[in-house]
Amino acid sequence: MFTNKRYITCGIANEIPDEIQVMLWIMIDNLRRSTPIGLDYLQVFWLFSQDGKQKIVHSQEQPEYRNEILVALLCQPVEKAKIFVIDDGGHSTMMLAEEY
């Protein structure tokens, strides 16, 4: 999973800085390479601004996984967003939750 072509929706392109988009793809890649638990087809990210930094909460349901990081970025942190990354077997798509 998540080794196929990757796409983003218009909402992601317009509202989420490229630096954060790349970071989310890297978090999925790192999980895929480092975990024996496997990946769910649906990866969920919550973005919050915290003390001028970007807080990212990454989770999946099956098998259960949750990771939180706080990073300083060159871009402005996103105040609040929920992002889904879905792998349907043919491609992976990053979208805002409200675009689902």
C-alpha atoms as a PDB file:
ATOM      1  CA  MET A   1       0.000   0.000   0.000  1.00  0.00           C
ATOM      2  CA  PHE A   2       0.937   3.606  -0.642  1.00  0.00           C
ATOM      3  CA  THR A   3       3.612   2.709  -3.205  1.00  0.00           C
ATOM      4  CA  ASN A   4       1.545   3.792  -6.214  1.00  0.00           C
ATOM      5  CA  LYS A   5       0.945   7.166  -7.916  1.00  0.00           C
ATOM      6  CA  ARG A   6       0.085   9.964  -5.538  1.00  0.00           C
ATOM      7  CA  TYR A   7      -2.479  12.697  -6.030  1.00  0.00           C
ATOM      8  CA  ILE A   8      -3.794  15.675  -4.100  1.00  0.00           C
ATOM      9  CA  THR A   9      -7.180  17.337  -4.330  1.00  0.00           C
ATOM     10  CA  CYS A  10      -7.807  21.021  -5.031  1.00  0.00           C
ATOM     11  CA  GLY A  11      -8.516  21.593  -1.339  1.00  0.00           C
ATOM     12  CA  ILE A  12      -5.104  20.261  -0.354  1.00  0.00           C
ATOM     13  CA  ALA A  13      -3.388  22.267  -3.115  1.00  0.00           C
ATOM     14  CA  ASN A  14      -5.130  25.478  -1.994  1.00  0.00           C
ATOM     15  CA  GLU A  15      -5.054  25.129   1.797  1.00  0.00           C
ATOM     16  CA  ILE A  16      -2.098  22.960   2.835  1.00  0.00           C
ATOM     17  CA  PRO A  17       1.447  24.242   2.188  1.00  0.00           C
ATOM     18  CA  ASP A  18       3.705  22.019   0.077  1.00  0.00           C
ATOM     19  CA  GLU A  19       6.104  21.574   3.007  1.00  0.00           C
ATOM     20  CA  ILE A  20       3.342  19.999   5.097  1.00  0.00           C
ATOM     21  CA  GLN A  21       2.083  17.846   2.205  1.00  0.00           C
ATOM     22  CA  VAL A  22       5.550  16.376   1.738  1.00  0.00           C
ATOM     23  CA  MET A  23       5.880  15.771   5.466  1.00  0.00           C
ATOM     24  CA  LEU A  24       2.608  13.789   5.533  1.00  0.00           C
ATOM     25  CA  TRP A  25       3.715  11.578   2.610  1.00  0.00           C
ATOM     26  CA  ILE A  26       7.039  10.994   4.407  1.00  0.00           C
ATOM     27  CA  MET A  27       5.222  10.004   7.604  1.00  0.00           C
ATOM     28  CA  ILE A  28       3.255   7.389   5.644  1.00  0.00           C
ATOM     29  CA  ASP A  29       6.453   6.133   3.961  1.00  0.00           C
ATOM     30  CA  ASN A  30       8.242   5.865   7.298  1.00  0.00           C
ATOM     31  CA  LEU A  31       5.359   3.928   8.828  1.00  0.00           C
ATOM     32  CA  ARG A  32       5.201   1.615   5.803  1.00  0.00           C
ATOM     33  CA  ARG A  33       8.934   0.843   6.002  1.00  0.00           C
ATOM     34  CA  SER A  34       9.305   0.575   9.755  1.00  0.00           C
ATOM     35  CA  THR A  35       6.251  -1.201  11.056  1.00  0.00           C
ATOM     36  CA  PRO A  36       5.389  -4.874  11.116  1.00  0.00           C
ATOM     37  CA  ILE A  37       1.744  -4.002  11.895  1.00  0.00           C
ATOM     38  CA  GLY A  38       0.822  -3.075   8.328  1.00  0.00           C
ATOM     39  CA  LEU A  39      -0.990  -0.098   6.873  1.00  0.00           C
ATOM     40  CA  ASP A  40      -4.686   0.634   6.719  1.00  0.00           C
ATOM     41  CA  TYR A  41      -5.951   1.921   3.360  1.00  0.00           C
ATOM     42  CA  LEU A  42      -7.056   5.081   5.218  1.00  0.00           C
ATOM     43  CA  GLN A  43      -4.475   7.274   6.937  1.00  0.00           C
ATOM     44  CA  VAL A  44      -5.828  10.175   9.008  1.00  0.00           C
ATOM     45  CA  PHE A  45      -3.960  13.360   9.906  1.00  0.00           C
ATOM     46  CA  TRP A  46      -5.058  16.170  12.209  1.00  0.00           C
ATOM     47  CA  LEU A  47      -3.161  19.456  11.920  1.00  0.00           C
ATOM     48  CA  PHE A  48      -3.138  22.059  14.691  1.00  0.00           C
ATOM     49  CA  SER A  49      -1.136  25.197  15.322  1.00  0.00           C
ATOM     50  CA  GLN A  50       0.610  25.076  18.709  1.00  0.00           C
ATOM     51  CA  ASP A  51       2.993  27.773  19.962  1.00  0.00           C
ATOM     52  CA  GLY A  52       3.854  28.818  16.397  1.00  0.00           C
ATOM     53  CA  LYS A  53       4.682  25.243  15.406  1.00  0.00           C
ATOM     54  CA  GLN A  54       2.771  22.586  13.502  1.00  0.00           C
ATOM     55  CA  LYS A  55       1.301  19.743  15.515  1.00  0.00           C
ATOM     56  CA  ILE A  56       0.540  16.657  13.411  1.00  0.00           C
ATOM     57  CA  VAL A  57      -1.454  13.723  14.756  1.00  0.00           C
ATOM     58  CA  HIS A  58      -1.234  10.692  12.446  1.00  0.00           C
ATOM     59  CA  SER A  59      -3.510   7.696  12.975  1.00  0.00           C
ATOM     60  CA  GLN A  60      -5.102   4.662  11.398  1.00  0.00           C
ATOM     61  CA  GLU A  61      -7.833   2.313  12.639  1.00  0.00           C
ATOM     62  CA  GLN A  62      -6.737  -1.201  11.567  1.00  0.00           C
ATOM     63  CA  PRO A  63      -4.318  -2.063  12.947  1.00  0.00           C
ATOM     64  CA  GLU A  64      -4.508   0.705  15.499  1.00  0.00           C
ATOM     65  CA  TYR A  65      -1.753   3.318  15.242  1.00  0.00           C
ATOM     66  CA  ARG A  66      -1.283   6.861  16.550  1.00  0.00           C
ATOM     67  CA  ASN A  67       1.697   9.207  16.471  1.00  0.00           C
ATOM     68  CA  GLU A  68       1.977  12.887  17.396  1.00  0.00           C
ATOM     69  CA  ILE A  69       4.761  15.245  16.397  1.00  0.00           C
ATOM     70  CA  LEU A  70       5.397  18.964  16.852  1.00  0.00           C
ATOM     71  CA  VAL A  71       7.620  20.596  14.239  1.00  0.00           C
ATOM     72  CA  ALA A  72       8.877  24.041  13.342  1.00  0.00           C
ATOM     73  CA  LEU A  73       8.317  24.805   9.667  1.00  0.00           C
ATOM     74  CA  LEU A  74       9.353  27.496   7.234  1.00  0.00           C
ATOM     75  CA  CYS A  75       5.687  28.011   6.299  1.00  0.00           C
ATOM     76  CA  GLN A  76       2.881  29.210   8.547  1.00  0.00           C
ATOM     77  CA  PRO A  77       1.322  26.361  10.531  1.00  0.00           C
ATOM     78  CA  VAL A  78      -2.180  25.292   9.580  1.00  0.00           C
ATOM     79  CA  GLU A  79      -4.570  26.321  12.359  1.00  0.00           C
ATOM     80  CA  LYS A  80      -6.815  23.262  12.130  1.00  0.00           C
ATOM     81  CA  ALA A  81      -7.416  20.652   9.444  1.00  0.00           C
ATOM     82  CA  LYS A  82      -8.352  17.001   9.107  1.00  0.00           C
ATOM     83  CA  ILE A  83      -6.775  15.187   6.177  1.00  0.00           C
ATOM     84  CA  PHE A  84      -7.443  11.745   4.742  1.00  0.00           C
ATOM     85  CA  VAL A  85      -4.952   9.856   2.599  1.00  0.00           C
ATOM     86  CA  ILE A  86      -6.650   6.937   0.861  1.00  0.00           C
ATOM     87  CA  ASP A  87      -5.025   4.099  -1.090  1.00  0.00           C
ATOM     88  CA  ASP A  88      -7.510   2.398  -3.432  1.00  0.00           C
ATOM     89  CA  GLY A  89      -4.974   0.008  -4.932  1.00  0.00           C
ATOM     90  CA  GLY A  90      -4.455   2.031  -8.101  1.00  0.00           C
ATOM     91  CA  HIS A  91      -3.408   5.348  -6.587  1.00  0.00           C
ATOM     92  CA  SER A  92      -3.160   7.271  -3.317  1.00  0.00           C
ATOM     93  CA  THR A  93      -5.098  10.490  -2.807  1.00  0.00           C
ATOM     94  CA  MET A  94      -4.598  13.161  -0.150  1.00  0.00           C
ATOM     95  CA  MET A  95      -7.757  15.156   0.568  1.00  0.00           C
ATOM     96  CA  LEU A  96      -9.322  17.395   3.147  1.00  0.00           C
ATOM     97  CA  ALA A  97     -11.913  15.496   5.194  1.00  0.00           C
ATOM     98  CA  GLU A  98     -14.677  17.767   3.910  1.00  0.00           C
ATOM     99  CA  GLU A  99     -13.811  16.752   0.322  1.00  0.00           C
ATOM    100  CA  TYR A 100     -14.537  13.072   1.022  1.00  0.00           C
END
